[in-house]
């Protein structure tokens, strides 16, 4: 800042010893020390504030990046939620049980199990005959 080199400081010290009487020299040196201490504290405070501003700027950037990542993860979860392998398997199994070529669009429809079917209908399915023919064959 002031561009003081060691040679210049020595010249200033010699001039100060000649110009300042020996009686006032301790007081001048003490004042000079206090002034330099104040300057150092001010410089350190400025540097601290500058570093704090830099950290806040970096934190804002990091918060922005984290927010973007969070949004990307939420979007990927939404996309992954659209692909549910269990639902696909359920559709295929339901379609195979019902004998459909394609699985039904109504995934949540209850599947009629063999326990809920009437016994005559179960016999018809087991015999492989149409429902009316099994009754006629039994008579």
Protein backbone atom coordinates (compact mmCIF):
# COMPACT_ATOMS: atom_id res chain seq x y z
CA UNK A 1 0.00 0.00 0.00
CA UNK A 2 2.65 2.55 1.06
CA UNK A 3 5.43 0.54 -0.59
CA UNK A 4 7.82 0.86 2.34
CA UNK A 5 11.03 -1.05 1.84
CA UNK A 6 13.53 -1.79 4.65
CA UNK A 7 15.96 0.86 3.30
CA UNK A 8 13.29 3.54 3.36
CA UNK A 9 12.26 2.55 6.90
CA UNK A 10 15.86 2.92 8.13
CA UNK A 11 16.12 6.40 6.60
CA UNK A 12 12.79 7.40 8.23
CA UNK A 13 14.00 6.06 11.62
CA UNK A 14 17.29 8.03 11.43
CA UNK A 15 15.45 11.26 10.50
CA UNK A 16 12.99 10.63 13.38
CA UNK A 17 15.87 10.17 15.86
CA UNK A 18 17.42 13.44 14.73
CA UNK A 19 14.17 15.46 14.52
CA UNK A 20 12.39 14.16 17.66
CA UNK A 21 13.93 15.05 21.00
CA UNK A 22 14.93 12.08 23.17
CA UNK A 23 12.44 13.10 25.85
CA UNK A 24 9.44 12.74 23.48
CA UNK A 25 10.74 9.66 21.62
CA UNK A 26 9.03 6.98 23.84
CA UNK A 27 5.67 8.71 23.54
CA UNK A 28 6.01 9.02 19.74
CA UNK A 29 7.01 5.34 19.41
CA UNK A 30 4.07 4.26 21.61
CA UNK A 31 1.66 6.34 19.50
CA UNK A 32 3.18 4.92 16.32
CA UNK A 33 2.74 1.36 17.70
CA UNK A 34 -0.89 2.03 18.63
CA UNK A 35 -1.56 3.49 15.19
CA UNK A 36 0.01 0.50 13.44
CA UNK A 37 -2.02 -1.86 15.68
CA UNK A 38 -5.24 -0.07 14.74
CA UNK A 39 -4.31 -0.29 11.06
CA UNK A 40 -3.64 -4.04 11.37
CA UNK A 41 -6.95 -4.63 13.17
CA UNK A 42 -8.84 -2.67 10.54
CA UNK A 43 -7.10 -4.61 7.76
CA UNK A 44 -7.90 -7.92 9.49
CA UNK A 45 -11.53 -6.88 9.98
CA UNK A 46 -11.83 -5.86 6.33
CA UNK A 47 -10.24 -9.11 5.23
CA UNK A 48 -12.61 -11.07 7.51
CA UNK A 49 -15.65 -9.29 6.08
CA UNK A 50 -14.39 -9.88 2.57
CA UNK A 51 -13.87 -13.59 3.27
CA UNK A 52 -17.32 -13.81 4.87
CA UNK A 53 -18.87 -12.25 1.76
CA UNK A 54 -16.99 -14.77 -0.39
CA UNK A 55 -18.25 -17.67 1.76
CA UNK A 56 -21.82 -16.38 1.54
CA UNK A 57 -21.51 -16.10 -2.24
CA UNK A 58 -20.15 -19.66 -2.36
CA UNK A 59 -22.94 -20.84 -0.05
CA UNK A 60 -25.52 -19.21 -2.30
CA UNK A 61 -23.99 -21.02 -5.27
CA UNK A 62 -23.97 -24.29 -3.33
CA UNK A 63 -27.58 -23.79 -2.24
CA UNK A 64 -28.53 -23.14 -5.84
CA UNK A 65 -26.72 -26.30 -6.99
CA UNK A 66 -28.30 -28.38 -4.22
CA UNK A 67 -31.73 -27.03 -5.17
CA UNK A 68 -31.14 -27.95 -8.80
CA UNK A 69 -30.02 -31.45 -7.76
CA UNK A 70 -33.06 -31.82 -5.51
CA UNK A 71 -35.35 -30.81 -8.38
CA UNK A 72 -33.59 -33.26 -10.70
CA UNK A 73 -33.99 -36.07 -8.15
CA UNK A 74 -37.67 -35.26 -7.68
CA UNK A 75 -38.16 -35.27 -11.44
CA UNK A 76 -36.38 -38.62 -11.80
CA UNK A 77 -38.48 -40.08 -8.98
CA UNK A 78 -41.61 -38.92 -10.81
CA UNK A 79 -40.36 -40.58 -13.98
CA UNK A 80 -39.36 -43.74 -12.12
CA UNK A 81 -42.74 -43.78 -10.40
CA UNK A 82 -44.40 -44.04 -13.82
CA UNK A 83 -42.56 -47.32 -14.41
CA UNK A 84 -43.74 -49.80 -11.84
CA UNK A 85 -42.51 -53.33 -12.62
CA UNK A 86 -44.88 -54.86 -10.09
CA UNK A 87 -47.87 -53.21 -11.77
CA UNK A 88 -46.67 -54.47 -15.16
CA UNK A 89 -46.29 -58.00 -13.78
CA UNK A 90 -49.72 -57.78 -12.16
CA UNK A 91 -51.25 -56.75 -15.50
CA UNK A 92 -49.61 -59.63 -17.31
CA UNK A 93 -50.63 -62.20 -14.71
CA UNK A 94 -54.18 -60.85 -14.62
CA UNK A 95 -54.35 -61.03 -18.40
CA UNK A 96 -53.02 -64.58 -18.42
CA UNK A 97 -55.51 -65.72 -15.78
CA UNK A 98 -58.45 -64.12 -17.58
CA UNK A 99 -57.25 -65.46 -20.89
CA UNK A 100 -57.08 -62.04 -22.48
CA UNK A 101 -54.58 -61.40 -25.20
CA UNK A 102 -53.84 -58.01 -23.62
CA UNK A 103 -54.04 -57.18 -19.92
CA UNK A 104 -57.09 -55.23 -18.91
CA UNK A 105 -56.86 -51.50 -18.43
CA UNK A 106 -58.47 -51.72 -15.02
CA UNK A 107 -55.51 -52.80 -12.86
CA UNK A 108 -57.28 -52.54 -9.57
CA UNK A 109 -60.30 -54.67 -10.52
CA UNK A 110 -60.62 -57.67 -8.24
CA UNK A 111 -59.70 -60.96 -9.82
CA UNK A 112 -62.32 -63.66 -9.54
CA UNK A 113 -60.59 -66.58 -7.89
CA UNK A 114 -61.69 -70.19 -8.05
CA UNK A 115 -62.92 -70.00 -4.44
CA UNK A 116 -65.51 -67.36 -5.31
CA UNK A 117 -66.83 -69.11 -8.42
CA UNK A 118 -69.86 -71.37 -8.10
CA UNK A 119 -69.11 -75.07 -8.10
CA UNK A 120 -70.97 -75.68 -11.39
CA UNK A 121 -68.87 -73.03 -13.13
CA UNK A 122 -65.70 -74.67 -11.73
CA UNK A 123 -66.80 -78.01 -13.11
CA UNK A 124 -67.43 -76.42 -16.50
CA UNK A 125 -63.93 -74.96 -16.56
CA UNK A 126 -62.37 -78.25 -15.46
CA UNK A 127 -64.20 -80.31 -18.07
CA UNK A 128 -63.38 -77.89 -20.87
CA UNK A 129 -66.99 -78.06 -22.08
CA UNK A 130 -69.30 -75.09 -22.45
CA UNK A 131 -71.46 -74.49 -19.39
CA UNK A 132 -74.69 -75.73 -21.02
CA UNK A 133 -73.16 -78.96 -22.34
CA UNK A 134 -71.98 -80.12 -18.90
CA UNK A 135 -75.51 -79.86 -17.56
CA UNK A 136 -76.83 -81.77 -20.54
CA UNK A 137 -74.13 -84.42 -20.16
CA UNK A 138 -74.94 -84.86 -16.50
CA UNK A 139 -78.63 -85.56 -17.28
